[in-house]
Amino acid sequence: MRAEFVEWMQGLEPGWVTATPGLGRPAQLTALGNGVVPQQAAHALHLLNPSHVRCPRGSAQ
């Protein structure tokens, strides 16, 4: 499998990993395999920190 394809499938900018100087194909695939997909991370953060409705009694106005 081409590292460029994996990079694309993860939604990364072209060359994010594959244009790193001195990083061969096996190391690129390892880095991509150990990475976090940005869209997945953003969704996880949203789930962990949703917008909460404020309690009217708890607000100091």
N, C-alpha and C. Protein backbone atom coordinates (compact mmCIF):
# COMPACT_ATOMS: atom_id res chain seq x y z
N MET A 1 0.85 -1.18 0.00
CA MET A 1 0.00 0.00 0.00
C MET A 1 0.89 1.24 0.00
N ARG A 2 0.48 2.21 -0.76
CA ARG A 2 1.26 3.45 -0.84
C ARG A 2 0.95 4.36 0.35
N ALA A 3 2.01 4.96 0.89
CA ALA A 3 1.85 5.85 2.04
C ALA A 3 1.01 7.08 1.66
N GLU A 4 1.11 7.52 0.42
CA GLU A 4 0.32 8.67 -0.04
C GLU A 4 -1.18 8.37 0.03
N PHE A 5 -1.53 7.13 -0.28
CA PHE A 5 -2.94 6.72 -0.21
C PHE A 5 -3.44 6.73 1.22
N VAL A 6 -2.64 6.21 2.13
CA VAL A 6 -3.02 6.20 3.56
C VAL A 6 -3.15 7.63 4.07
N GLU A 7 -2.24 8.47 3.68
CA GLU A 7 -2.27 9.89 4.05
C GLU A 7 -3.58 10.52 3.58
N TRP A 8 -3.96 10.23 2.35
CA TRP A 8 -5.19 10.77 1.77
C TRP A 8 -6.42 10.22 2.51
N MET A 9 -6.41 8.90 2.78
CA MET A 9 -7.55 8.27 3.46
C MET A 9 -7.76 8.85 4.86
N GLN A 10 -6.70 9.29 5.49
CA GLN A 10 -6.81 9.87 6.83
C GLN A 10 -7.17 11.35 6.80
N GLY A 11 -7.29 11.91 5.61
CA GLY A 11 -7.68 13.31 5.49
C GLY A 11 -6.55 14.28 5.77
N LEU A 12 -5.32 13.81 5.68
CA LEU A 12 -4.17 14.69 5.93
C LEU A 12 -3.79 15.42 4.65
N GLU A 13 -3.14 16.55 4.81
CA GLU A 13 -2.65 17.30 3.66
C GLU A 13 -1.61 16.46 2.93
N PRO A 14 -1.57 16.53 1.60
CA PRO A 14 -0.54 15.79 0.86
C PRO A 14 0.86 16.18 1.34
N GLY A 15 1.66 15.18 1.66
CA GLY A 15 3.02 15.43 2.12
C GLY A 15 3.16 15.61 3.62
N TRP A 16 2.06 15.56 4.36
CA TRP A 16 2.11 15.75 5.81
C TRP A 16 3.11 14.78 6.44
N VAL A 17 3.09 13.54 5.98
CA VAL A 17 4.05 12.53 6.45
C VAL A 17 5.01 12.15 5.34
N THR A 18 4.49 12.01 4.13
CA THR A 18 5.30 11.49 3.03
C THR A 18 6.38 12.44 2.55
N ALA A 19 6.30 13.72 2.86
CA ALA A 19 7.33 14.67 2.43
C ALA A 19 8.37 14.91 3.51
N THR A 20 8.33 14.14 4.59
CA THR A 20 9.31 14.30 5.66
C THR A 20 10.67 13.78 5.18
N PRO A 21 11.69 14.63 5.17
CA PRO A 21 13.00 14.20 4.69
C PRO A 21 13.57 13.05 5.54
N GLY A 22 14.15 12.06 4.87
CA GLY A 22 14.79 10.95 5.54
C GLY A 22 13.86 9.88 6.07
N LEU A 23 12.57 10.01 5.84
CA LEU A 23 11.60 9.04 6.33
C LEU A 23 11.23 8.11 5.18
N GLY A 24 11.65 6.85 5.27
CA GLY A 24 11.38 5.88 4.23
C GLY A 24 9.94 5.38 4.30
N ARG A 25 9.55 4.60 3.29
CA ARG A 25 8.18 4.09 3.20
C ARG A 25 7.76 3.30 4.44
N PRO A 26 8.57 2.37 4.96
CA PRO A 26 8.13 1.64 6.16
C PRO A 26 7.90 2.57 7.35
N ALA A 27 8.76 3.56 7.53
CA ALA A 27 8.59 4.50 8.64
C ALA A 27 7.37 5.40 8.42
N GLN A 28 7.11 5.76 7.16
CA GLN A 28 5.92 6.56 6.86
C GLN A 28 4.66 5.79 7.21
N LEU A 29 4.60 4.53 6.80
CA LEU A 29 3.42 3.71 7.10
C LEU A 29 3.27 3.49 8.60
N THR A 30 4.38 3.33 9.31
CA THR A 30 4.32 3.20 10.78
C THR A 30 3.77 4.47 11.40
N ALA A 31 4.28 5.61 10.97
CA ALA A 31 3.81 6.88 11.51
C ALA A 31 2.32 7.08 11.23
N LEU A 32 1.90 6.76 10.02
CA LEU A 32 0.49 6.91 9.65
C LEU A 32 -0.37 5.92 10.42
N GLY A 33 0.14 4.71 10.62
CA GLY A 33 -0.62 3.70 11.35
C GLY A 33 -0.76 4.03 12.83
N ASN A 34 0.21 4.74 13.38
CA ASN A 34 0.17 5.11 14.79
C ASN A 34 -0.48 6.47 15.01
N GLY A 35 -0.83 7.15 13.94
CA GLY A 35 -1.40 8.48 14.06
C GLY A 35 -2.88 8.47 14.37
N VAL A 36 -3.38 9.64 14.67
CA VAL A 36 -4.80 9.83 14.94
C VAL A 36 -5.40 10.59 13.77
N VAL A 37 -6.52 10.11 13.27
CA VAL A 37 -7.21 10.79 12.18
C VAL A 37 -7.80 12.08 12.75
N PRO A 38 -7.46 13.25 12.18
CA PRO A 38 -7.91 14.52 12.75
C PRO A 38 -9.43 14.61 12.92
N GLN A 39 -10.21 14.12 11.96
CA GLN A 39 -11.66 14.20 12.06
C GLN A 39 -12.17 13.35 13.23
N GLN A 40 -11.55 12.21 13.45
CA GLN A 40 -11.94 11.34 14.56
C GLN A 40 -11.60 12.00 15.89
N ALA A 41 -10.44 12.61 15.97
CA ALA A 41 -10.04 13.30 17.20
C ALA A 41 -10.98 14.46 17.51
N ALA A 42 -11.35 15.23 16.50
CA ALA A 42 -12.26 16.36 16.71
C ALA A 42 -13.62 15.87 17.20
N HIS A 43 -14.11 14.78 16.63
CA HIS A 43 -15.39 14.23 17.06
C HIS A 43 -15.31 13.73 18.50
N ALA A 44 -14.22 13.08 18.86
CA ALA A 44 -14.04 12.59 20.23
C ALA A 44 -14.03 13.75 21.22
N LEU A 45 -13.33 14.82 20.88
CA LEU A 45 -13.29 15.99 21.77
C LEU A 45 -14.67 16.61 21.93
N HIS A 46 -15.42 16.65 20.84
CA HIS A 46 -16.78 17.18 20.92
C HIS A 46 -17.65 16.32 21.83
N LEU A 47 -17.50 15.01 21.74
CA LEU A 47 -18.28 14.11 22.59
C LEU A 47 -17.89 14.23 24.06
N LEU A 48 -16.61 14.47 24.31
CA LEU A 48 -16.13 14.57 25.69
C LEU A 48 -16.44 15.93 26.32
N ASN A 49 -16.63 16.95 25.50
CA ASN A 49 -16.87 18.30 26.02
C ASN A 49 -18.02 18.95 25.28
N PRO A 50 -19.25 18.44 25.45
CA PRO A 50 -20.38 19.03 24.73
C PRO A 50 -20.77 20.38 25.34
N SER A 51 -21.50 21.13 24.56
CA SER A 51 -22.02 22.40 25.08
C SER A 51 -23.13 22.09 26.08
N HIS A 52 -23.02 22.67 27.24
CA HIS A 52 -24.02 22.44 28.28
C HIS A 52 -24.94 23.65 28.39
N VAL A 53 -26.19 23.39 28.67
CA VAL A 53 -27.14 24.46 28.93
C VAL A 53 -26.93 24.89 30.38
N ARG A 54 -26.84 26.18 30.58
CA ARG A 54 -26.61 26.68 31.94
C ARG A 54 -27.88 26.59 32.77
N CYS A 55 -27.69 26.27 34.00
CA CYS A 55 -28.79 26.22 34.96
C CYS A 55 -29.14 27.66 35.35
N PRO A 56 -30.42 28.07 35.26
CA PRO A 56 -30.76 29.47 35.57
C PRO A 56 -30.44 29.84 37.01
N ARG A 57 -30.53 28.90 37.94
CA ARG A 57 -30.25 29.20 39.34
C ARG A 57 -28.76 29.31 39.61
N GLY A 58 -27.95 28.67 38.78
CA GLY A 58 -26.51 28.64 39.03
C GLY A 58 -25.77 29.80 38.44
N SER A 59 -26.42 30.62 37.63
CA SER A 59 -25.70 31.73 37.00
C SER A 59 -25.73 32.98 37.87
N ALA A 60 -24.60 33.61 37.97
CA ALA A 60 -24.51 34.85 38.75
C ALA A 60 -24.66 36.01 37.78
N GLN A 61 -25.81 36.66 37.84
CA GLN A 61 -26.05 37.77 36.90
C GLN A 61 -26.13 39.08 37.63
